[in-house]
Amino acid sequence: MTHALAKAGLDDVPALTERLMSAIFTDNPEWTDYRPVPKEDLWEGCRQYLERILQILSGEVDISDRDDDVAAAIGRRRAEQGVPLEVMLRTFRLGGRVVWEALVDQAHRDGADPDSVLGVATSIWRVIDGLSSTLSTFYRNTELERLRRDDQRRHALVEDLLAGRARDVAFAQRAAKELDLPTGGAYLVVVAEMTDDAAFALRGHSEALAALHFRSVWQVRADSLVGLIALEQHPAELALDALRPLARARVAVSPKVQGLSEIGLAHQLALTTLGTSAPGAAELVTLEERFPEALLVQSPDLAQRLLETQLGPVLALPVKERDMLLDTLRAWLEENCSTANAAVRLHCHRNTVLNRLHRITTLIGQPLHGRTAYVSLSLALSTLHLTKGLPD
């Protein structure tokens, strides 16, 4: 009986499509909000769907061992058009109701036994369930693919910003729109290294900044996590204070730059600043805090030559004496060349400090006093800290 009723119903598909269209806008008014779906497109989708229900019920089409291509195509298309899945599933149920009512009317006209019509209902809803399942599967697959494409596009936009492409005004405007960032205004760029356990040196950063109403975009790269923070009306210190406690390894922040057009420069400065943090450190550093070290990082060969020239003879000493003299020199310089303060810091007598400084002077063959000596020795010790290049 089901086969015969469905075969007869195939001739009425255009009329059934009109009934479904009317039901959609009566029982499912959300459809009026989906402007990407032209009415003609919706009508054709409804026609194909109703025809497929009747084809399956009549035995003309067998989908027992495969996904239905009509439901799959509708699922893909509506996902691309942005129609919510819940709306589509409700539309499929409305289509099932339209077919059910049409077949019941046909059965009554044919004088069929009312009890036999119940078997038709079971067949219809079994078909609707199968088509709805196919719709859901292909809708979700398409949605995932669209999200992947969106992620890839956002990733490419951020990479282009880091490469300095935002000097092109048209590109900067497009990137700002898609990433929900301002074109102008102050920005910071953050670089967090990847740790040995394949995690990143920052955790909880997005939430911490969002709680303070910062807009930011974060990009996972091969060996680092990079963030673009739009300061807008916020002080940079507010962002730094939020991020500093979250540093689990080395994190560096660029100085403020103006607009997306300077993001490439800010990224390079942040990378340079990251190099000023010693391996194994867990800290957030800014370029403003590390200008001398940044100069060394920018010229590694020159920094190594400086270290060898200024402290080579000291580094060649046995480990115990070498470390003692280096600690003394560092304390003396950091205490503004005060022998008395260095002695307190080192827990020794002032004369002991003087003797050690005299020993260093003899070894390196030049005086420790004077601006040039102060700068050169300080930079040499910074190079040693950055490289941790002490011989065993």
Protein backbone atom coordinates (compact mmCIF):
# COMPACT_ATOMS: atom_id res chain seq x y z
CA MET A 1 0.00 0.00 0.00
CA THR A 2 2.80 2.43 0.91
CA HIS A 3 4.49 1.92 -2.46
CA ALA A 4 1.28 2.63 -4.39
CA LEU A 5 0.40 5.75 -2.39
CA ALA A 6 3.93 7.13 -2.72
CA LYS A 7 4.04 6.46 -6.48
CA ALA A 8 0.79 8.35 -6.92
CA GLY A 9 2.12 11.18 -4.76
CA LEU A 10 5.09 11.74 -7.08
CA ASP A 11 2.75 13.45 -9.54
CA ASP A 12 1.79 15.97 -6.84
CA VAL A 13 5.32 17.03 -5.84
CA PRO A 14 4.98 20.66 -7.08
CA ALA A 15 1.76 21.11 -5.10
CA LEU A 16 3.31 19.45 -2.03
CA THR A 17 6.29 21.79 -2.36
CA GLU A 18 3.97 24.80 -2.18
CA ARG A 19 2.36 23.34 0.95
CA LEU A 20 5.76 22.83 2.55
CA MET A 21 6.86 26.37 1.65
CA SER A 22 3.70 27.73 3.29
CA ALA A 23 4.28 25.57 6.37
CA ILE A 24 7.91 26.72 6.62
CA PHE A 25 7.03 30.39 6.84
CA THR A 26 4.06 29.70 9.15
CA ASP A 27 5.59 27.20 11.56
CA ASN A 28 9.26 28.05 11.10
CA PRO A 29 9.35 31.88 10.75
CA GLU A 30 13.12 32.01 11.39
CA TRP A 31 13.53 31.28 7.68
CA THR A 32 12.80 34.93 6.92
CA ASP A 33 16.15 35.79 8.57
CA TYR A 34 18.29 33.70 6.20
CA ARG A 35 18.82 36.08 3.32
CA PRO A 36 21.68 34.04 1.77
CA VAL A 37 19.02 31.48 0.77
CA PRO A 38 16.98 32.86 -2.16
CA LYS A 39 13.33 31.80 -2.18
CA GLU A 40 13.83 29.94 -5.46
CA ASP A 41 16.71 28.00 -3.90
CA LEU A 42 14.58 27.09 -0.88
CA TRP A 43 11.72 26.00 -3.15
CA GLU A 44 13.99 23.77 -5.21
CA GLY A 45 15.50 22.21 -2.09
CA CYS A 46 12.03 21.46 -0.74
CA ARG A 47 10.98 19.94 -4.06
CA GLN A 48 14.01 17.67 -4.22
CA TYR A 49 13.53 16.61 -0.60
CA LEU A 50 9.82 15.75 -0.96
CA GLU A 51 10.47 13.94 -4.24
CA ARG A 52 13.21 11.88 -2.58
CA ILE A 53 10.90 10.87 0.30
CA LEU A 54 8.31 9.62 -2.16
CA GLN A 55 10.94 7.93 -4.35
CA ILE A 56 12.22 5.97 -1.37
CA LEU A 57 8.71 5.08 -0.16
CA SER A 58 7.69 3.95 -3.66
CA GLY A 59 10.78 1.77 -4.03
CA GLU A 60 12.21 3.77 -6.93
CA VAL A 61 15.31 4.68 -4.88
CA ASP A 62 17.09 2.41 -2.41
CA ILE A 63 19.40 4.05 0.14
CA SER A 64 19.63 1.13 2.54
CA ASP A 65 23.40 0.82 2.05
CA ARG A 66 24.45 4.43 1.40
CA ASP A 67 23.88 8.06 2.36
CA ASP A 68 21.23 9.80 0.31
CA ASP A 69 22.79 12.23 -2.13
CA VAL A 70 19.84 14.68 -2.04
CA ALA A 71 19.86 15.06 1.76
CA ALA A 72 23.67 15.26 1.68
CA ALA A 73 23.62 18.05 -0.92
CA ILE A 74 20.98 20.00 1.03
CA GLY A 75 23.03 19.63 4.23
CA ARG A 76 26.19 20.90 2.56
CA ARG A 77 24.50 23.83 0.86
CA ARG A 78 22.54 25.05 3.88
CA ALA A 79 25.64 24.82 6.09
CA GLU A 80 27.54 27.00 3.60
CA GLN A 81 24.62 29.45 3.63
CA GLY A 82 24.64 29.63 7.42
CA VAL A 83 21.18 28.17 8.11
CA PRO A 84 21.24 26.58 11.61
CA LEU A 85 21.04 22.79 11.67
CA GLU A 86 18.08 22.90 14.08
CA VAL A 87 16.10 24.91 11.53
CA MET A 88 16.90 22.40 8.80
CA LEU A 89 15.89 19.43 10.94
CA ARG A 90 12.59 21.16 11.74
CA THR A 91 12.09 21.78 8.02
CA PHE A 92 12.68 18.09 7.29
CA ARG A 93 10.08 17.15 9.91
CA LEU A 94 7.61 19.60 8.36
CA GLY A 95 8.26 17.93 5.00
CA GLY A 96 7.52 14.57 6.56
CA ARG A 97 4.24 15.91 7.92
CA VAL A 98 3.27 17.28 4.50
CA VAL A 99 3.92 13.90 2.87
CA TRP A 100 2.09 12.05 5.64
CA GLU A 101 -1.01 14.26 5.30
CA ALA A 102 -0.95 13.92 1.51
CA LEU A 103 -0.73 10.11 1.64
CA VAL A 104 -3.49 9.91 4.27
CA ASP A 105 -5.75 12.03 2.06
CA GLN A 106 -4.95 9.78 -0.90
CA ALA A 107 -5.66 6.65 1.15
CA HIS A 108 -9.03 8.04 2.24
CA ARG A 109 -9.92 8.82 -1.36
CA ASP A 110 -8.97 5.25 -2.26
CA GLY A 111 -11.17 3.93 0.55
CA ALA A 112 -8.26 2.25 2.35
CA ASP A 113 -8.68 0.61 5.76
CA PRO A 114 -7.68 3.26 8.40
CA ASP A 115 -5.60 0.70 10.31
CA SER A 116 -3.47 0.04 7.25
CA VAL A 117 -2.54 3.72 7.07
CA LEU A 118 -0.66 3.38 10.35
CA GLY A 119 1.94 1.26 8.54
CA VAL A 120 2.44 4.13 6.09
CA ALA A 121 3.22 6.47 9.01
CA THR A 122 5.87 4.11 10.32
CA SER A 123 7.51 3.93 6.89
CA ILE A 124 7.43 7.70 6.41
CA TRP A 125 9.07 8.54 9.72
CA ARG A 126 11.69 5.86 9.26
CA VAL A 127 12.63 7.52 5.95
CA ILE A 128 12.57 11.00 7.56
CA ASP A 129 14.88 9.81 10.34
CA GLY A 130 17.35 8.40 7.80
CA LEU A 131 17.36 11.53 5.66
CA SER A 132 17.68 13.74 8.75
CA SER A 133 20.67 11.71 9.88
CA THR A 134 22.34 12.17 6.49
CA LEU A 135 21.52 15.88 6.54
CA SER A 136 23.12 16.25 10.00
CA THR A 137 26.26 14.34 9.06
CA PHE A 138 26.99 16.33 5.91
CA TYR A 139 25.95 19.62 7.52
CA ARG A 140 28.41 19.11 10.39
CA ASN A 141 31.18 17.96 8.07
CA THR A 142 30.70 21.05 5.92
CA GLU A 143 30.60 23.28 8.98
CA LEU A 144 33.86 21.79 10.25
CA GLU A 145 35.46 22.29 6.85
CA ARG A 146 34.26 25.90 6.81
CA LEU A 147 35.72 26.45 10.28
CA ARG A 148 39.01 24.95 9.09
CA ARG A 149 39.01 27.30 6.11
CA ASP A 150 38.24 30.24 8.40
CA ASP A 151 41.08 29.22 10.73
CA GLN A 152 43.45 28.87 7.79
CA ARG A 153 42.45 32.30 6.48
CA ARG A 154 42.91 33.89 9.93
CA HIS A 155 46.27 32.12 10.28
CA ALA A 156 47.40 33.45 6.91
CA LEU A 157 46.26 36.97 7.80
CA VAL A 158 48.24 36.96 11.05
CA GLU A 159 51.32 35.58 9.29
CA ASP A 160 51.07 38.36 6.72
CA LEU A 161 50.78 40.93 9.51
CA LEU A 162 53.90 39.53 11.17
CA ALA A 163 55.67 39.74 7.83
CA GLY A 164 54.86 43.45 7.59
CA ARG A 165 52.26 43.28 4.83
CA ALA A 166 49.95 45.71 6.67
CA ARG A 167 51.91 48.60 5.19
CA ASP A 168 49.45 48.02 2.36
CA VAL A 169 46.43 50.05 3.56
CA ALA A 170 43.85 47.86 1.79
CA PHE A 171 45.30 44.71 3.34
CA ALA A 172 45.42 46.34 6.79
CA GLN A 173 41.75 47.25 6.57
CA ARG A 174 40.75 43.74 5.46
CA ALA A 175 42.83 42.11 8.19
CA ALA A 176 41.40 44.44 10.83
CA LYS A 177 37.85 43.57 9.79
CA GLU A 178 38.36 39.81 9.70
CA LEU A 179 40.37 39.66 12.92
CA ASP A 180 38.16 42.20 14.74
CA LEU A 181 41.06 44.51 15.46
CA PRO A 182 41.46 48.28 15.02
CA THR A 183 43.52 49.42 12.04
CA GLY A 184 45.21 52.19 14.00
CA GLY A 185 46.10 52.79 17.62
CA ALA A 186 48.82 51.29 19.79
CA TYR A 187 49.73 47.60 19.70
CA LEU A 188 51.99 45.23 21.59
CA VAL A 189 53.33 41.99 20.12
CA VAL A 190 54.04 39.10 22.48
CA VAL A 191 56.27 36.10 21.74
CA ALA A 192 56.20 33.11 24.09
CA GLU A 193 58.59 30.23 23.51
CA MET A 194 57.61 26.58 23.35
CA THR A 195 58.84 24.65 26.38
CA ASP A 196 60.52 21.25 26.44
CA ASP A 197 57.18 19.56 27.17
CA ALA A 198 55.68 21.02 23.95
CA ALA A 199 53.59 23.54 25.90
CA PHE A 200 53.80 27.30 25.56
CA ALA A 201 55.30 29.72 28.05
CA LEU A 202 51.95 31.46 28.53
CA ARG A 203 48.71 29.91 29.72
CA GLY A 204 45.38 31.63 30.37
CA HIS A 205 46.53 34.75 28.53
CA SER A 206 43.45 35.23 26.34
CA GLU A 207 41.08 35.01 29.29
CA ALA A 208 43.19 37.32 31.44
CA LEU A 209 43.27 40.01 28.74
CA ALA A 210 39.61 39.62 27.81
CA ALA A 211 38.66 40.16 31.47
CA LEU A 212 40.36 43.55 31.21
CA HIS A 213 38.58 44.30 27.89
CA PHE A 214 41.67 43.98 25.70
CA ARG A 215 41.19 42.73 22.15
CA SER A 216 43.90 40.28 21.16
CA VAL A 217 44.68 37.65 18.53
CA TRP A 218 46.99 34.70 19.19
CA GLN A 219 48.82 32.54 16.68
CA VAL A 220 50.46 29.18 17.29
CA ARG A 221 53.65 28.85 15.26
CA ALA A 222 56.17 26.02 14.95
CA ASP A 223 58.24 27.04 17.98
CA SER A 224 56.37 29.89 19.61
CA LEU A 225 53.07 31.50 20.48
CA VAL A 226 52.62 35.02 19.11
CA GLY A 227 50.02 37.50 20.31
CA LEU A 228 48.82 40.84 18.94
CA ILE A 229 47.31 43.04 21.65
CA ALA A 230 45.34 46.15 20.72
CA LEU A 231 45.83 48.64 23.55
CA GLU A 232 43.20 51.12 22.37
CA GLN A 233 42.49 53.22 25.51
CA HIS A 234 44.34 50.90 27.92
CA PRO A 235 47.85 51.48 29.29
CA ALA A 236 50.45 48.95 28.21
CA GLU A 237 51.36 48.31 31.86
CA LEU A 238 47.87 46.89 32.48
CA ALA A 239 48.43 44.17 29.85
CA LEU A 240 51.96 43.48 31.08
CA ASP A 241 50.77 43.15 34.68
CA ALA A 242 48.12 40.66 33.56
CA LEU A 243 50.57 38.54 31.55
CA ARG A 244 53.64 38.62 33.80
CA PRO A 245 52.35 36.16 36.43
CA LEU A 246 51.35 33.72 33.67
CA ALA A 247 54.88 33.27 32.29
CA ARG A 248 56.01 29.65 32.69
CA ALA A 249 59.12 30.07 30.53
CA ARG A 250 60.57 32.86 28.37
CA VAL A 251 58.09 35.50 27.19
CA ALA A 252 58.98 38.77 25.48
CA VAL A 253 56.92 41.85 24.67
CA SER A 254 57.68 44.47 22.05
CA PRO A 255 57.54 48.19 22.70
CA LYS A 256 54.33 49.94 21.68
CA VAL A 257 53.91 50.45 17.95
CA GLN A 258 51.31 52.41 16.06
CA GLY A 259 48.77 50.53 13.99
CA LEU A 260 48.79 47.23 12.14
CA SER A 261 51.32 48.65 9.69
CA GLU A 262 54.07 48.34 12.36
CA ILE A 263 53.19 44.82 13.58
CA GLY A 264 56.04 43.32 11.52
CA LEU A 265 58.55 45.62 13.20
CA ALA A 266 57.08 44.90 16.63
CA HIS A 267 57.37 41.16 16.01
CA GLN A 268 61.05 41.46 15.14
CA LEU A 269 61.69 43.53 18.25
CA ALA A 270 59.84 41.00 20.40
CA LEU A 271 61.96 38.17 18.97
CA THR A 272 65.11 40.15 19.72
CA THR A 273 63.86 40.77 23.25
CA LEU A 274 63.15 37.08 23.74
CA GLY A 275 66.81 36.41 23.02
CA THR A 276 67.77 38.61 25.97
CA SER A 277 66.21 36.14 28.39
CA ALA A 278 68.58 33.38 29.46
CA PRO A 279 67.74 29.77 28.50
CA GLY A 280 65.65 28.12 31.20
CA ALA A 281 64.33 31.40 32.60
CA ALA A 282 60.64 31.80 33.48
CA GLU A 283 59.96 35.49 33.01
CA LEU A 284 58.30 38.14 30.90
CA VAL A 285 60.70 40.78 29.61
CA THR A 286 60.26 43.97 27.60
CA LEU A 287 62.67 45.67 25.26
CA GLU A 288 62.72 48.74 27.49
CA GLU A 289 64.12 46.57 30.29
CA ARG A 290 66.72 44.92 28.08
CA PHE A 291 68.17 47.42 25.63
CA PRO A 292 71.87 46.60 26.34
CA GLU A 293 71.22 42.86 26.11
CA ALA A 294 69.20 43.39 22.92
CA LEU A 295 72.20 45.04 21.29
CA LEU A 296 74.27 41.98 22.18
CA VAL A 297 71.63 39.63 20.77
CA GLN A 298 71.58 41.61 17.53
CA SER A 299 75.35 41.20 17.14
CA PRO A 300 76.26 37.78 18.55
CA ASP A 301 79.70 37.61 16.95
CA LEU A 302 80.62 41.03 18.31
CA ALA A 303 79.25 40.09 21.73
CA GLN A 304 81.41 36.95 21.83
CA ARG A 305 84.49 38.94 20.82
CA LEU A 306 83.71 41.47 23.56
CA LEU A 307 83.45 38.70 26.15
CA GLU A 308 86.73 37.13 25.14
CA THR A 309 88.54 40.48 25.04
CA GLN A 310 87.25 41.73 28.38
CA LEU A 311 87.13 38.55 30.46
CA GLY A 312 89.04 35.88 28.54
CA PRO A 313 91.86 35.44 31.10
CA VAL A 314 89.33 35.23 33.96
CA LEU A 315 87.27 32.60 32.14
CA ALA A 316 90.41 30.48 31.68
CA LEU A 317 90.92 30.11 35.45
CA PRO A 318 89.96 27.02 37.44
CA VAL A 319 86.21 26.94 38.09
CA LYS A 320 86.25 27.89 41.77
CA GLU A 321 88.50 30.94 41.36
CA ARG A 322 86.79 31.96 38.10
CA ASP A 323 83.31 31.97 39.66
CA MET A 324 84.51 33.84 42.73
CA LEU A 325 86.07 36.61 40.66
CA LEU A 326 83.07 36.88 38.33
CA ASP A 327 80.64 37.08 41.26
CA THR A 328 82.78 39.80 42.84
CA LEU A 329 82.98 41.82 39.62
CA ARG A 330 79.23 41.52 39.05
CA ALA A 331 78.40 42.61 42.61
CA TRP A 332 80.82 45.55 42.43
CA LEU A 333 79.39 46.81 39.14
CA GLU A 334 75.77 46.35 40.27
CA GLU A 335 76.57 48.27 43.46
CA ASN A 336 77.77 51.24 41.39
CA CYS A 337 81.45 50.37 41.95
CA SER A 338 81.10 50.60 45.74
CA THR A 339 83.61 48.28 47.39
CA ALA A 340 81.86 48.59 50.76
CA ASN A 341 78.42 47.70 49.38
CA ALA A 342 79.83 44.82 47.35
CA ALA A 343 81.49 43.46 50.52
CA VAL A 344 78.17 43.49 52.37
CA ARG A 345 76.47 41.74 49.48
CA LEU A 346 79.22 39.11 49.23
CA HIS A 347 79.47 38.64 53.01
CA CYS A 348 83.20 39.35 53.09
CA HIS A 349 85.61 42.10 54.16
CA ARG A 350 86.07 45.20 52.00
CA ASN A 351 89.79 44.41 51.61
CA THR A 352 88.86 40.99 50.23
CA VAL A 353 86.84 42.69 47.51
CA LEU A 354 89.74 45.04 46.75
CA ASN A 355 92.15 42.11 46.47
CA ARG A 356 89.85 40.27 44.07
CA LEU A 357 89.35 43.36 41.92
CA HIS A 358 93.13 43.85 41.82
CA ARG A 359 93.47 40.22 40.71
CA ILE A 360 90.97 40.82 37.85
CA THR A 361 92.82 43.99 36.81
CA THR A 362 96.08 42.06 36.65
CA LEU A 363 94.52 39.23 34.62
CA ILE A 364 92.78 41.36 31.98
CA GLY A 365 95.56 43.96 31.81
CA GLN A 366 93.35 47.03 32.03
CA PRO A 367 91.79 49.18 34.75
CA LEU A 368 88.27 48.52 36.04
CA HIS A 369 87.42 52.17 36.64
CA GLY A 370 86.09 54.64 34.10
CA ARG A 371 83.00 54.79 31.89
CA THR A 372 84.43 52.65 29.09
CA ALA A 373 85.50 49.90 31.46
CA TYR A 374 82.14 49.98 33.26
CA VAL A 375 80.16 49.66 30.02
CA SER A 376 82.44 47.02 28.46
CA LEU A 377 82.59 44.82 31.55
CA SER A 378 78.83 45.09 32.15
CA LEU A 379 78.12 44.05 28.57
CA ALA A 380 80.61 41.19 28.83
CA LEU A 381 78.87 39.88 31.96
CA SER A 382 75.50 40.22 30.20
CA THR A 383 76.83 38.17 27.29
CA LEU A 384 77.98 35.52 29.74
CA HIS A 385 74.51 35.46 31.33
CA LEU A 386 72.71 35.19 28.02
CA THR A 387 74.83 32.39 26.65
CA LYS A 388 75.66 30.71 29.95
CA GLY A 389 78.88 29.99 28.11
CA LEU A 390 81.10 29.19 31.07
CA PRO A 391 83.75 26.56 30.40
CA ASP A 392 83.77 23.59 32.76
